[in-house]
Structures are given as structure tokens and as C-alpha cells.
Amino acid sequence: MIGPSGFRISDLGFSIFIISKTIAKIQNIGYYYFKLMTKTLLFIWEVAKIIIISLCIVIPIRYFLFQPFFVKGMSMEPNFEDGEYLIVDEITPRFKEYQRGEVVVFKFPQNPSQYYIKRIIGLPGETIELKEDKIIIRGKEDRDSLVLDETDYLLVSLTGSQNLKIILKEDEYFVLGDNRGASADSRRWGALPEKYVVGRVWLRAWPFTKFEIVEAPSY
């Protein structure tokens, strides 16, 4: 059938059909991409939730409970060697005082951006006296004394001879490296104020062959 201007009505119907099919395809494509975008956004949100939850768990543990520490240098050999990965306990010192023989990580008093690892030898209020290879410890009353036996962790070949006497304040510790001949410690820069102590070494996590919970010696 031909219209007034010679236009075939059948052609019009076919054109409308083609246009409607094209629109349908466009709608289908749009719907497909809409679904794809929705799934992508949902996936991103799920990943973001996992990251947020993980950070909420890890950050308090990392900054308030436990802290990793890499050993640098040879000052604590042979017990702690360069490159070992340790976990430092920051929470128990809040309700349990540091004990003699415990290994601690602390900020170097003369440069707090540096971290050191040493062993606690003298406790607050004590008098520490070094005579040759001996460490003599006296209590607050200066009546009883203790000659420290370090054979559990100290090699005779790594001891260092030096004469020194120091009286610790109520918030100070006397710390030494196990490798006495290669350690910058309280013999050189004095007592360690408690405010600089980060925490006690709790776990040796690396290398796996030496994985262990670190315990203080009994004197």
C-alpha cells in the first residue's frame, strides 16, 4: 500500500520494527552493564569491608599489644642474631614489672628514633658494680649482694672486662648486650629510663628453625 506522498506503509512498519529492535538491544546492553557495574561495586565494597575490619583488628594489636622487631647487629649474639624477627610484648609490662634477665626492646634515650635490644641486668633502686668480668648487685638497703651468674646465656669468650659502679633511680634499669665486647649499652651511656622501654621480647618468629617463646633465665 502506498501513501499520499508515495511512501510505502510497509516500509514504515519495517523501519519501526528495526528501530524497536535496536532500542531493545541498547536496553539489553545497558541492563547488562548495569548488572556488571552493580556486581563490581558490591565486590569492591566487600573487599573494602574486609580491609576495614582487618585494620580495626591489626592496628590495635600492632600499636598497643605486640610489635615486630628485626634484630640489627651482633650486640646480642649468640642468643639473638642479625636479621632475626622478634615479637615484642607491649601489654604485660602494664601490669607486670620487668624482671632481671628479660630481654627488652627500647628507644635509645639519646636518639629515640633508634631502637635497641638488650638484657635487663639491674632493677630500679639497685646498685650495680662491675669488677672485671663480675657483676655485683646490691639492693636498696645495701646489705645483701648478688654476684650474677650468667652462664645460662653468656659465652665466656664474649665477656668484656670493665670497672663501673652505678646507682639506679626508681625508674631506671641497667641493661647490657649479651655480646659484651660489641655492645653499646648502660656501660657507655648510663641507666635506661623506664619511659623508653617498648616491651619485653616474647617470641622469636624467624627463622623458623629457631622459632620459640623467649623466657628469662633464673638466677
N, C-alpha and C. Protein backbone atom coordinates (compact mmCIF):
# COMPACT_ATOMS: atom_id res chain seq x y z
N MET A 1 0.85 -1.20 0.00
CA MET A 1 0.00 0.00 0.00
C MET A 1 0.88 1.24 0.00
N ILE A 2 0.51 2.25 -0.81
CA ILE A 2 1.30 3.46 -0.97
C ILE A 2 0.54 4.64 -0.41
N GLY A 3 1.24 5.47 0.38
CA GLY A 3 0.63 6.65 0.99
C GLY A 3 0.52 7.78 0.00
N PRO A 4 0.01 8.92 0.44
CA PRO A 4 -0.21 10.09 -0.44
C PRO A 4 1.08 10.58 -1.08
N SER A 5 2.20 10.48 -0.42
CA SER A 5 3.46 11.00 -0.97
C SER A 5 4.30 9.90 -1.59
N GLY A 6 3.72 8.78 -1.82
CA GLY A 6 4.41 7.66 -2.46
C GLY A 6 5.22 6.82 -1.49
N PHE A 7 5.05 7.03 -0.21
CA PHE A 7 5.80 6.27 0.80
C PHE A 7 5.05 5.00 1.12
N ARG A 8 5.77 3.88 1.05
CA ARG A 8 5.14 2.59 1.32
C ARG A 8 4.92 2.42 2.83
N ILE A 9 3.72 2.12 3.18
CA ILE A 9 3.39 1.91 4.59
C ILE A 9 4.12 0.70 5.14
N SER A 10 4.34 -0.29 4.29
CA SER A 10 5.08 -1.48 4.73
C SER A 10 6.51 -1.12 5.10
N ASP A 11 7.10 -0.14 4.34
CA ASP A 11 8.46 0.30 4.68
C ASP A 11 8.48 0.99 6.05
N LEU A 12 7.43 1.76 6.34
CA LEU A 12 7.33 2.42 7.63
C LEU A 12 7.26 1.41 8.77
N GLY A 13 6.46 0.38 8.55
CA GLY A 13 6.34 -0.65 9.57
C GLY A 13 7.66 -1.37 9.81
N PHE A 14 8.39 -1.62 8.70
CA PHE A 14 9.68 -2.29 8.83
C PHE A 14 10.68 -1.41 9.57
N SER A 15 10.64 -0.10 9.28
CA SER A 15 11.55 0.83 9.94
C SER A 15 11.27 0.89 11.44
N ILE A 16 9.99 0.92 11.76
CA ILE A 16 9.61 0.95 13.18
C ILE A 16 10.07 -0.32 13.88
N PHE A 17 9.97 -1.44 13.16
CA PHE A 17 10.40 -2.73 13.72
C PHE A 17 11.90 -2.71 13.99
N ILE A 18 12.67 -2.20 13.01
CA ILE A 18 14.13 -2.14 13.16
C ILE A 18 14.52 -1.23 14.32
N ILE A 19 13.84 -0.07 14.40
CA ILE A 19 14.14 0.87 15.48
C ILE A 19 13.83 0.26 16.84
N SER A 20 12.70 -0.41 16.93
CA SER A 20 12.32 -1.03 18.21
C SER A 20 13.30 -2.12 18.61
N LYS A 21 13.78 -2.90 17.61
CA LYS A 21 14.76 -3.94 17.90
C LYS A 21 16.07 -3.33 18.39
N THR A 22 16.46 -2.23 17.73
CA THR A 22 17.70 -1.55 18.11
C THR A 22 17.60 -1.01 19.53
N ILE A 23 16.46 -0.39 19.83
CA ILE A 23 16.25 0.13 21.18
C ILE A 23 16.29 -0.99 22.21
N ALA A 24 15.70 -2.13 21.85
CA ALA A 24 15.69 -3.28 22.76
C ALA A 24 17.11 -3.77 23.02
N LYS A 25 17.91 -3.81 21.93
CA LYS A 25 19.30 -4.25 22.09
C LYS A 25 20.07 -3.29 22.99
N ILE A 26 19.85 -1.98 22.75
CA ILE A 26 20.52 -0.98 23.57
C ILE A 26 20.12 -1.12 25.03
N GLN A 27 18.83 -1.37 25.25
CA GLN A 27 18.35 -1.55 26.62
C GLN A 27 18.98 -2.79 27.27
N ASN A 28 19.08 -3.87 26.46
CA ASN A 28 19.69 -5.10 26.98
C ASN A 28 21.16 -4.88 27.34
N ILE A 29 21.86 -4.16 26.43
CA ILE A 29 23.27 -3.87 26.69
C ILE A 29 23.41 -3.01 27.93
N GLY A 30 22.54 -1.99 28.03
CA GLY A 30 22.57 -1.12 29.20
C GLY A 30 22.29 -1.88 30.49
N TYR A 31 21.32 -2.80 30.43
CA TYR A 31 20.99 -3.60 31.60
C TYR A 31 22.15 -4.51 31.99
N TYR A 32 22.82 -5.08 30.95
CA TYR A 32 23.96 -5.96 31.20
C TYR A 32 25.07 -5.20 31.92
N TYR A 33 25.40 -4.02 31.40
CA TYR A 33 26.46 -3.23 32.01
C TYR A 33 26.06 -2.71 33.38
N PHE A 34 24.77 -2.46 33.55
CA PHE A 34 24.28 -2.04 34.86
C PHE A 34 24.47 -3.16 35.89
N LYS A 35 24.13 -4.39 35.48
CA LYS A 35 24.33 -5.53 36.38
C LYS A 35 25.81 -5.75 36.66
N LEU A 36 26.63 -5.62 35.59
CA LEU A 36 28.06 -5.80 35.76
C LEU A 36 28.64 -4.75 36.71
N MET A 37 28.22 -3.50 36.53
CA MET A 37 28.70 -2.43 37.40
C MET A 37 28.25 -2.64 38.84
N THR A 38 27.00 -3.09 39.00
CA THR A 38 26.48 -3.35 40.34
C THR A 38 27.28 -4.45 41.04
N LYS A 39 27.55 -5.54 40.31
CA LYS A 39 28.34 -6.63 40.88
C LYS A 39 29.75 -6.17 41.24
N THR A 40 30.33 -5.35 40.35
CA THR A 40 31.68 -4.84 40.60
C THR A 40 31.72 -3.98 41.85
N LEU A 41 30.74 -3.09 41.98
CA LEU A 41 30.68 -2.22 43.15
C LEU A 41 30.46 -3.02 44.43
N LEU A 42 29.61 -4.05 44.35
CA LEU A 42 29.38 -4.90 45.52
C LEU A 42 30.66 -5.64 45.92
N PHE A 43 31.40 -6.11 44.90
CA PHE A 43 32.66 -6.80 45.17
C PHE A 43 33.66 -5.86 45.83
N ILE A 44 33.77 -4.64 45.29
CA ILE A 44 34.68 -3.65 45.85
C ILE A 44 34.30 -3.33 47.29
N TRP A 45 33.00 -3.23 47.55
CA TRP A 45 32.54 -2.94 48.90
C TRP A 45 32.87 -4.08 49.87
N GLU A 46 32.72 -5.33 49.41
CA GLU A 46 33.06 -6.47 50.26
C GLU A 46 34.55 -6.48 50.59
N VAL A 47 35.38 -6.19 49.57
CA VAL A 47 36.82 -6.14 49.80
C VAL A 47 37.15 -5.01 50.78
N ALA A 48 36.51 -3.86 50.59
CA ALA A 48 36.74 -2.71 51.47
C ALA A 48 36.35 -3.05 52.91
N LYS A 49 35.25 -3.77 53.09
CA LYS A 49 34.83 -4.16 54.43
C LYS A 49 35.86 -5.07 55.10
N ILE A 50 36.39 -6.02 54.31
CA ILE A 50 37.40 -6.93 54.85
C ILE A 50 38.64 -6.14 55.28
N ILE A 51 39.05 -5.18 54.43
CA ILE A 51 40.24 -4.37 54.75
C ILE A 51 40.00 -3.54 56.00
N ILE A 52 38.82 -2.92 56.09
CA ILE A 52 38.50 -2.07 57.24
C ILE A 52 38.48 -2.89 58.53
N ILE A 53 37.82 -4.06 58.47
CA ILE A 53 37.75 -4.93 59.66
C ILE A 53 39.15 -5.40 60.06
N SER A 54 39.95 -5.77 59.05
CA SER A 54 41.32 -6.23 59.32
C SER A 54 42.14 -5.14 59.98
N LEU A 55 42.00 -3.92 59.47
CA LEU A 55 42.75 -2.80 60.05
C LEU A 55 42.31 -2.52 61.48
N CYS A 56 41.00 -2.66 61.72
CA CYS A 56 40.49 -2.43 63.08
C CYS A 56 41.05 -3.46 64.06
N ILE A 57 41.39 -4.64 63.54
CA ILE A 57 41.97 -5.68 64.40
C ILE A 57 43.48 -5.54 64.50
N VAL A 58 44.12 -5.33 63.35
CA VAL A 58 45.59 -5.33 63.29
C VAL A 58 46.19 -4.09 63.95
N ILE A 59 45.62 -2.92 63.69
CA ILE A 59 46.22 -1.68 64.20
C ILE A 59 46.32 -1.66 65.73
N PRO A 60 45.24 -2.00 66.46
CA PRO A 60 45.39 -2.02 67.93
C PRO A 60 46.42 -3.04 68.39
N ILE A 61 46.46 -4.22 67.72
CA ILE A 61 47.44 -5.23 68.09
C ILE A 61 48.85 -4.72 67.82
N ARG A 62 49.01 -4.10 66.64
CA ARG A 62 50.34 -3.63 66.21
C ARG A 62 50.87 -2.51 67.10
N TYR A 63 50.00 -1.59 67.50
CA TYR A 63 50.49 -0.40 68.21
C TYR A 63 50.27 -0.42 69.71
N PHE A 64 49.43 -1.34 70.21
CA PHE A 64 49.14 -1.33 71.64
C PHE A 64 49.40 -2.66 72.34
N LEU A 65 49.52 -3.75 71.60
CA LEU A 65 49.68 -5.05 72.22
C LEU A 65 51.02 -5.70 71.89
N PHE A 66 51.28 -5.89 70.60
CA PHE A 66 52.50 -6.53 70.17
C PHE A 66 53.13 -5.74 69.03
N GLN A 67 54.45 -5.80 68.96
CA GLN A 67 55.16 -5.05 67.93
C GLN A 67 56.29 -5.90 67.36
N PRO A 68 56.41 -5.96 66.03
CA PRO A 68 57.51 -6.72 65.44
C PRO A 68 58.82 -5.95 65.53
N PHE A 69 59.90 -6.70 65.56
CA PHE A 69 61.22 -6.07 65.68
C PHE A 69 62.26 -6.94 64.99
N PHE A 70 63.07 -6.32 64.13
CA PHE A 70 64.17 -7.02 63.48
C PHE A 70 65.47 -6.74 64.23
N VAL A 71 66.20 -7.79 64.54
CA VAL A 71 67.49 -7.62 65.20
C VAL A 71 68.50 -7.08 64.19
N LYS A 72 69.20 -6.04 64.59
CA LYS A 72 70.25 -5.47 63.75
C LYS A 72 71.56 -5.45 64.53
N GLY A 73 72.58 -6.01 63.94
CA GLY A 73 73.88 -6.02 64.60
C GLY A 73 74.15 -7.29 65.38
N MET A 74 75.26 -7.31 66.07
CA MET A 74 75.73 -8.50 66.77
C MET A 74 75.83 -8.32 68.28
N SER A 75 75.21 -7.28 68.82
CA SER A 75 75.36 -6.98 70.25
C SER A 75 74.71 -8.00 71.16
N MET A 76 73.76 -8.81 70.62
CA MET A 76 73.08 -9.80 71.47
C MET A 76 73.45 -11.23 71.10
N GLU A 77 74.48 -11.39 70.28
CA GLU A 77 74.92 -12.74 69.96
C GLU A 77 75.51 -13.41 71.20
N PRO A 78 75.40 -14.73 71.31
CA PRO A 78 74.89 -15.69 70.32
C PRO A 78 73.40 -15.96 70.45
N ASN A 79 72.72 -15.29 71.37
CA ASN A 79 71.31 -15.60 71.64
C ASN A 79 70.34 -14.99 70.64
N PHE A 80 70.67 -13.81 70.14
CA PHE A 80 69.85 -13.15 69.12
C PHE A 80 70.79 -12.62 68.04
N GLU A 81 70.56 -13.07 66.82
CA GLU A 81 71.49 -12.75 65.74
C GLU A 81 70.88 -11.78 64.74
N ASP A 82 71.74 -11.14 63.99
CA ASP A 82 71.33 -10.15 62.99
C ASP A 82 70.30 -10.75 62.02
N GLY A 83 69.20 -10.01 61.79
CA GLY A 83 68.18 -10.44 60.84
C GLY A 83 67.05 -11.25 61.44
N GLU A 84 67.15 -11.63 62.70
CA GLU A 84 66.07 -12.41 63.31
C GLU A 84 64.85 -11.51 63.55
N TYR A 85 63.66 -12.14 63.43
CA TYR A 85 62.39 -11.42 63.55
C TYR A 85 61.76 -11.76 64.89
N LEU A 86 61.57 -10.75 65.72
CA LEU A 86 61.04 -10.96 67.07
C LEU A 86 59.69 -10.27 67.24
N ILE A 87 58.89 -10.79 68.16
CA ILE A 87 57.63 -10.15 68.54
C ILE A 87 57.78 -9.62 69.96
N VAL A 88 57.52 -8.34 70.12
CA VAL A 88 57.70 -7.67 71.41
C VAL A 88 56.35 -7.50 72.10
N ASP A 89 56.27 -7.94 73.32
CA ASP A 89 55.05 -7.84 74.13
C ASP A 89 54.99 -6.46 74.79
N GLU A 90 53.96 -5.69 74.43
CA GLU A 90 53.81 -4.35 74.98
C GLU A 90 52.74 -4.26 76.06
N ILE A 91 51.95 -5.31 76.23
CA ILE A 91 50.80 -5.19 77.13
C ILE A 91 51.10 -5.70 78.55
N THR A 92 51.79 -6.82 78.71
CA THR A 92 52.01 -7.34 80.07
C THR A 92 52.85 -6.41 80.94
N PRO A 93 53.78 -5.61 80.39
CA PRO A 93 54.51 -4.68 81.26
C PRO A 93 53.62 -3.65 81.95
N ARG A 94 52.39 -3.50 81.48
CA ARG A 94 51.49 -2.53 82.10
C ARG A 94 51.00 -3.01 83.46
N PHE A 95 51.04 -4.34 83.68
CA PHE A 95 50.60 -4.85 84.98
C PHE A 95 51.61 -5.83 85.60
N LYS A 96 52.73 -6.05 84.91
CA LYS A 96 53.77 -6.92 85.45
C LYS A 96 55.12 -6.25 85.25
N GLU A 97 55.84 -6.03 86.35
CA GLU A 97 57.12 -5.33 86.27
C GLU A 97 58.16 -6.16 85.53
N TYR A 98 59.10 -5.47 84.91
CA TYR A 98 60.19 -6.16 84.23
C TYR A 98 61.06 -6.89 85.25
N GLN A 99 61.56 -8.05 84.83
CA GLN A 99 62.37 -8.87 85.71
C GLN A 99 63.82 -8.92 85.22
N ARG A 100 64.71 -9.19 86.13
CA ARG A 100 66.11 -9.33 85.77
C ARG A 100 66.28 -10.48 84.77
N GLY A 101 67.08 -10.25 83.77
CA GLY A 101 67.34 -11.28 82.77
C GLY A 101 66.45 -11.21 81.55
N GLU A 102 65.35 -10.46 81.65
CA GLU A 102 64.47 -10.34 80.49
C GLU A 102 65.12 -9.49 79.40
N VAL A 103 64.85 -9.87 78.17
CA VAL A 103 65.36 -9.11 77.03
C VAL A 103 64.28 -8.12 76.60
N VAL A 104 64.66 -6.87 76.46
CA VAL A 104 63.70 -5.82 76.13
C VAL A 104 64.15 -5.04 74.91
N VAL A 105 63.16 -4.45 74.25
CA VAL A 105 63.42 -3.51 73.16
C VAL A 105 63.06 -2.13 73.68
N PHE A 106 63.90 -1.15 73.39
CA PHE A 106 63.66 0.20 73.90
C PHE A 106 64.15 1.24 72.91
N LYS A 107 63.65 2.45 73.10
CA LYS A 107 64.13 3.58 72.31
C LYS A 107 65.42 4.10 72.94
N PHE A 108 66.41 4.32 72.12
CA PHE A 108 67.69 4.80 72.62
C PHE A 108 67.49 6.19 73.22
N PRO A 109 67.76 6.38 74.52
CA PRO A 109 67.49 7.66 75.18
C PRO A 109 68.11 8.87 74.49
N GLN A 110 69.27 8.70 73.89
CA GLN A 110 69.94 9.83 73.25
C GLN A 110 69.45 10.09 71.83
N ASN A 111 68.68 9.13 71.29
CA ASN A 111 68.08 9.28 69.96
C ASN A 111 66.87 8.35 69.87
N PRO A 112 65.70 8.80 70.34
CA PRO A 112 64.52 7.95 70.43
C PRO A 112 64.02 7.38 69.10
N SER A 113 64.55 7.83 67.99
CA SER A 113 64.14 7.26 66.70
C SER A 113 64.83 5.91 66.46
N GLN A 114 65.84 5.60 67.26
CA GLN A 114 66.55 4.33 67.14
C GLN A 114 66.06 3.36 68.21
N TYR A 115 65.98 2.08 67.81
CA TYR A 115 65.53 1.04 68.74
C TYR A 115 66.68 0.09 69.04
N TYR A 116 66.85 -0.24 70.33
CA TYR A 116 67.90 -1.15 70.77
C TYR A 116 67.27 -2.38 71.41
N ILE A 117 68.03 -3.45 71.44
CA ILE A 117 67.63 -4.66 72.16
C ILE A 117 68.75 -5.04 73.12
N LYS A 118 68.41 -5.20 74.41
CA LYS A 118 69.40 -5.53 75.44
C LYS A 118 68.73 -6.39 76.51
N ARG A 119 69.56 -6.87 77.43
CA ARG A 119 69.06 -7.68 78.54
C ARG A 119 69.09 -6.85 79.83
N ILE A 120 68.01 -6.95 80.61
CA ILE A 120 67.95 -6.22 81.88
C ILE A 120 68.84 -6.92 82.91
N ILE A 121 69.76 -6.15 83.47
CA ILE A 121 70.67 -6.67 84.49
C ILE A 121 70.36 -6.06 85.85
N GLY A 122 70.16 -4.76 85.89
CA GLY A 122 69.87 -4.08 87.15
C GLY A 122 68.47 -3.51 87.18
N LEU A 123 67.81 -3.63 88.33
CA LEU A 123 66.43 -3.16 88.51
C LEU A 123 66.41 -1.83 89.26
N PRO A 124 65.29 -1.11 89.20
CA PRO A 124 65.18 0.19 89.87
C PRO A 124 65.60 0.15 91.34
N GLY A 125 66.40 1.14 91.73
CA GLY A 125 66.82 1.25 93.12
C GLY A 125 68.06 0.45 93.49
N GLU A 126 68.53 -0.40 92.60
CA GLU A 126 69.69 -1.24 92.91
C GLU A 126 71.01 -0.51 92.61
N THR A 127 72.06 -1.02 93.20
CA THR A 127 73.41 -0.54 92.91
C THR A 127 74.13 -1.62 92.11
N ILE A 128 74.62 -1.25 90.95
CA ILE A 128 75.28 -2.19 90.06
C ILE A 128 76.77 -1.88 90.04
N GLU A 129 77.56 -2.91 90.30
CA GLU A 129 79.01 -2.73 90.28
C GLU A 129 79.65 -3.78 89.36
N LEU A 130 80.44 -3.31 88.42
CA LEU A 130 81.17 -4.20 87.53
C LEU A 130 82.63 -4.24 87.94
N LYS A 131 83.12 -5.44 88.20
CA LYS A 131 84.53 -5.64 88.55
C LYS A 131 85.08 -6.73 87.65
N GLU A 132 85.91 -6.32 86.70
CA GLU A 132 86.46 -7.25 85.71
C GLU A 132 85.30 -7.94 84.99
N ASP A 133 85.18 -9.26 85.13
CA ASP A 133 84.10 -9.99 84.45
C ASP A 133 82.92 -10.27 85.37
N LYS A 134 82.91 -9.70 86.56
CA LYS A 134 81.84 -9.97 87.51
C LYS A 134 80.87 -8.80 87.59
N ILE A 135 79.59 -9.15 87.81
CA ILE A 135 78.55 -8.13 88.05
C ILE A 135 78.01 -8.35 89.45
N ILE A 136 78.18 -7.35 90.30
CA ILE A 136 77.72 -7.42 91.69
C ILE A 136 76.52 -6.49 91.85
N ILE A 137 75.44 -7.04 92.37
CA ILE A 137 74.19 -6.29 92.52
C ILE A 137 73.83 -6.18 93.99
N ARG A 138 73.56 -4.96 94.43
CA ARG A 138 73.15 -4.72 95.82
C ARG A 138 71.77 -4.09 95.82
N GLY A 139 70.97 -4.49 96.83
CA GLY A 139 69.63 -3.96 96.94
C GLY A 139 69.62 -2.55 97.50
N LYS A 140 68.43 -2.02 97.75
CA LYS A 140 68.29 -0.65 98.21
C LYS A 140 68.96 -0.41 99.56
N GLU A 141 68.93 -1.40 100.43
CA GLU A 141 69.50 -1.25 101.77
C GLU A 141 71.01 -1.46 101.78
N ASP A 142 71.54 -1.92 100.66
CA ASP A 142 73.00 -2.12 100.52
C ASP A 142 73.52 -3.16 101.52
N ARG A 143 72.66 -4.08 101.94
CA ARG A 143 73.08 -5.09 102.91
C ARG A 143 73.43 -6.41 102.21
N ASP A 144 72.50 -6.87 101.38
CA ASP A 144 72.75 -8.13 100.68
C ASP A 144 73.23 -7.84 99.26
N SER A 145 74.06 -8.71 98.75
CA SER A 145 74.58 -8.53 97.40
C SER A 145 74.46 -9.83 96.62
N LEU A 146 74.43 -9.70 95.31
CA LEU A 146 74.30 -10.85 94.42
C LEU A 146 75.37 -10.75 93.35
N VAL A 147 76.16 -11.81 93.23
CA VAL A 147 77.10 -11.90 92.12
C VAL A 147 76.37 -12.65 91.01
N LEU A 148 76.09 -11.96 89.93
CA LEU A 148 75.23 -12.50 88.89
C LEU A 148 75.90 -13.66 88.15
N ASP A 149 75.18 -14.77 88.08
CA ASP A 149 75.66 -15.93 87.33
C ASP A 149 74.99 -15.91 85.95
N GLU A 150 75.76 -15.64 84.92
CA GLU A 150 75.21 -15.50 83.57
C GLU A 150 75.59 -16.65 82.64
N THR A 151 75.96 -17.77 83.21
CA THR A 151 76.42 -18.89 82.39
C THR A 151 75.32 -19.46 81.49
N ASP A 152 74.05 -19.20 81.81
CA ASP A 152 72.95 -19.72 81.00
C ASP A 152 72.90 -19.11 79.61
N TYR A 153 73.34 -17.87 79.48
CA TYR A 153 73.19 -17.19 78.20
C TYR A 153 74.43 -16.46 77.72
N LEU A 154 75.48 -16.43 78.53
CA LEU A 154 76.66 -15.63 78.18
C LEU A 154 77.86 -16.54 77.94
N LEU A 155 78.46 -16.41 76.76
CA LEU A 155 79.68 -17.15 76.47
C LEU A 155 80.87 -16.46 77.11
N VAL A 156 81.74 -17.23 77.69
CA VAL A 156 82.92 -16.66 78.35
C VAL A 156 83.75 -15.86 77.35
N SER A 157 83.80 -16.34 76.10
CA SER A 157 84.61 -15.67 75.08
C SER A 157 84.04 -14.32 74.67
N LEU A 158 82.79 -14.05 75.04
CA LEU A 158 82.15 -12.80 74.64
C LEU A 158 82.01 -11.81 75.80
N THR A 159 82.60 -12.12 76.92
CA THR A 159 82.51 -11.19 78.05
C THR A 159 83.50 -10.05 77.87
N GLY A 160 83.25 -8.97 78.57
CA GLY A 160 84.14 -7.81 78.49
C GLY A 160 84.47 -7.32 79.88
N SER A 161 85.68 -6.94 80.11
CA SER A 161 86.10 -6.51 81.45
C SER A 161 86.04 -4.99 81.55
N GLN A 162 85.41 -4.51 82.61
CA GLN A 162 85.31 -3.07 82.83
C GLN A 162 84.92 -2.83 84.28
N ASN A 163 85.47 -1.81 84.90
CA ASN A 163 85.12 -1.45 86.27
C ASN A 163 84.15 -0.28 86.25
N LEU A 164 83.02 -0.45 86.93
CA LEU A 164 81.98 0.57 86.90
C LEU A 164 81.05 0.39 88.09
N LYS A 165 80.55 1.50 88.62
CA LYS A 165 79.56 1.45 89.69
C LYS A 165 78.49 2.49 89.41
N ILE A 166 77.22 2.07 89.49
CA ILE A 166 76.12 2.98 89.20
C ILE A 166 74.94 2.67 90.12
N ILE A 167 74.32 3.72 90.64
CA ILE A 167 73.13 3.58 91.49
C ILE A 167 71.91 3.97 90.66
N LEU A 168 70.98 3.04 90.54
CA LEU A 168 69.80 3.26 89.71
C LEU A 168 68.71 3.99 90.47
N LYS A 169 68.03 4.89 89.78
CA LYS A 169 66.87 5.56 90.36
C LYS A 169 65.67 4.62 90.32
N GLU A 170 64.55 5.08 90.87
CA GLU A 170 63.37 4.23 90.97
C GLU A 170 62.68 3.96 89.63
N ASP A 171 63.11 4.64 88.59
CA ASP A 171 62.51 4.42 87.27
C ASP A 171 63.59 4.10 86.24
N GLU A 172 64.68 3.47 86.69
CA GLU A 172 65.80 3.20 85.79
C GLU A 172 66.21 1.72 85.80
N TYR A 173 66.74 1.29 84.67
CA TYR A 173 67.25 -0.08 84.54
C TYR A 173 68.69 -0.03 84.03
N PHE A 174 69.43 -1.07 84.37
CA PHE A 174 70.79 -1.22 83.84
C PHE A 174 70.73 -2.36 82.83
N VAL A 175 71.05 -2.08 81.58
CA VAL A 175 70.91 -3.09 80.52
C VAL A 175 72.26 -3.33 79.85
N LEU A 176 72.47 -4.57 79.44
CA LEU A 176 73.70 -4.96 78.76
C LEU A 176 73.38 -5.85 77.57
N GLY A 177 74.25 -5.81 76.58
CA GLY A 177 74.15 -6.75 75.47
C GLY A 177 74.84 -8.05 75.84
N ASP A 178 74.36 -9.17 75.29
CA ASP A 178 74.97 -10.46 75.61
C ASP A 178 76.39 -10.57 75.04
N ASN A 179 76.63 -9.90 73.95
CA ASN A 179 77.97 -9.87 73.37
C ASN A 179 78.70 -8.65 73.93
N ARG A 180 79.23 -8.79 75.12
CA ARG A 180 79.75 -7.64 75.87
C ARG A 180 80.84 -6.87 75.13
N GLY A 181 81.61 -7.57 74.32
CA GLY A 181 82.69 -6.89 73.63
C GLY A 181 82.25 -6.09 72.42
N ALA A 182 80.96 -6.20 72.03
CA ALA A 182 80.49 -5.50 70.84
C ALA A 182 79.13 -4.86 71.09
N SER A 183 78.93 -4.37 72.30
CA SER A 183 77.62 -3.80 72.65
C SER A 183 77.76 -2.41 73.26
N ALA A 184 77.02 -1.47 72.72
CA ALA A 184 76.90 -0.13 73.32
C ALA A 184 75.69 -0.16 74.24
N ASP A 185 75.91 -0.16 75.53
CA ASP A 185 74.82 -0.34 76.48
C ASP A 185 75.00 0.58 77.69
N SER A 186 74.44 0.20 78.83
CA SER A 186 74.48 1.07 80.01
C SER A 186 75.89 1.34 80.51
N ARG A 187 76.83 0.53 80.12
CA ARG A 187 78.23 0.81 80.50
C ARG A 187 78.74 2.07 79.82
N ARG A 188 78.17 2.36 78.65
CA ARG A 188 78.65 3.51 77.88
C ARG A 188 77.77 4.74 78.08
N TRP A 189 76.45 4.57 77.98
CA TRP A 189 75.56 5.73 78.02
C TRP A 189 74.69 5.82 79.27
N GLY A 190 74.92 4.94 80.23
CA GLY A 190 74.24 5.07 81.51
C GLY A 190 72.95 4.28 81.65
N ALA A 191 72.21 4.60 82.70
CA ALA A 191 70.97 3.87 83.01
C ALA A 191 69.90 4.15 81.97
N LEU A 192 68.98 3.17 81.85
CA LEU A 192 67.87 3.29 80.91
C LEU A 192 66.60 3.70 81.64
N PRO A 193 66.06 4.91 81.39
CA PRO A 193 64.78 5.31 82.00
C PRO A 193 63.65 4.42 81.50
N GLU A 194 62.75 4.05 82.38
CA GLU A 194 61.68 3.12 82.05
C GLU A 194 60.79 3.64 80.93
N LYS A 195 60.63 4.95 80.81
CA LYS A 195 59.73 5.52 79.81
C LYS A 195 60.16 5.20 78.38
N TYR A 196 61.40 4.80 78.20
CA TYR A 196 61.90 4.48 76.86
C TYR A 196 61.72 3.01 76.49
N VAL A 197 61.33 2.19 77.45
CA VAL A 197 61.19 0.75 77.19
C VAL A 197 59.90 0.50 76.41
N VAL A 198 60.03 -0.19 75.28
CA VAL A 198 58.86 -0.51 74.44
C VAL A 198 58.16 -1.75 74.96
N GLY A 199 58.91 -2.78 75.28
CA GLY A 199 58.31 -4.01 75.78
C GLY A 199 59.34 -5.13 75.88
N ARG A 200 58.89 -6.25 76.42
CA ARG A 200 59.78 -7.41 76.57
C ARG A 200 59.68 -8.29 75.32
N VAL A 201 60.80 -8.86 74.93
CA VAL A 201 60.81 -9.78 73.79
C VAL A 201 60.08 -11.05 74.20
N TRP A 202 59.04 -11.38 73.43
CA TRP A 202 58.18 -12.51 73.79
C TRP A 202 58.40 -13.72 72.89
N LEU A 203 58.61 -13.48 71.59
CA LEU A 203 58.65 -14.59 70.64
C LEU A 203 59.70 -14.35 69.58
N ARG A 204 60.45 -15.41 69.25
CA ARG A 204 61.32 -15.38 68.10
C ARG A 204 60.55 -16.06 66.96
N ALA A 205 60.13 -15.27 65.97
CA ALA A 205 59.29 -15.79 64.90
C ALA A 205 60.08 -16.22 63.67
N TRP A 206 61.27 -15.71 63.51
CA TRP A 206 62.09 -16.05 62.35
C TRP A 206 63.56 -16.03 62.75
N PRO A 207 64.33 -17.00 62.27
CA PRO A 207 63.98 -18.07 61.33
C PRO A 207 63.14 -19.16 61.99
N PHE A 208 62.40 -19.92 61.16
CA PHE A 208 61.50 -20.93 61.68
C PHE A 208 62.26 -22.02 62.45
N THR A 209 63.50 -22.25 62.07
CA THR A 209 64.29 -23.28 62.75
C THR A 209 64.59 -22.90 64.19
N LYS A 210 64.45 -21.61 64.53
CA LYS A 210 64.71 -21.14 65.90
C LYS A 210 63.45 -20.56 66.53
N PHE A 211 62.30 -20.92 65.98
CA PHE A 211 61.02 -20.41 66.49
C PHE A 211 60.84 -20.84 67.95
N GLU A 212 60.60 -19.85 68.83
CA GLU A 212 60.44 -20.19 70.25
C GLU A 212 59.90 -19.00 71.03
N ILE A 213 59.30 -19.31 72.17
CA ILE A 213 58.93 -18.28 73.13
C ILE A 213 60.17 -17.96 73.97
N VAL A 214 60.46 -16.69 74.09
CA VAL A 214 61.67 -16.26 74.79
C VAL A 214 61.40 -16.15 76.29
N GLU A 215 62.17 -16.85 77.07
CA GLU A 215 61.99 -16.84 78.53
C GLU A 215 63.23 -16.27 79.21
N ALA A 216 63.01 -15.65 80.34
CA ALA A 216 64.13 -15.08 81.11
C ALA A 216 64.84 -16.18 81.88
N PRO A 217 66.14 -16.06 82.07
CA PRO A 217 66.87 -17.06 82.85
C PRO A 217 66.54 -16.94 84.34
N SER A 218 66.76 -18.00 85.05
CA SER A 218 66.57 -17.97 86.51
C SER A 218 67.93 -17.86 87.17
N TYR A 219 68.08 -16.89 88.07
CA TYR A 219 69.37 -16.67 88.73
C TYR A 219 69.39 -17.34 90.09
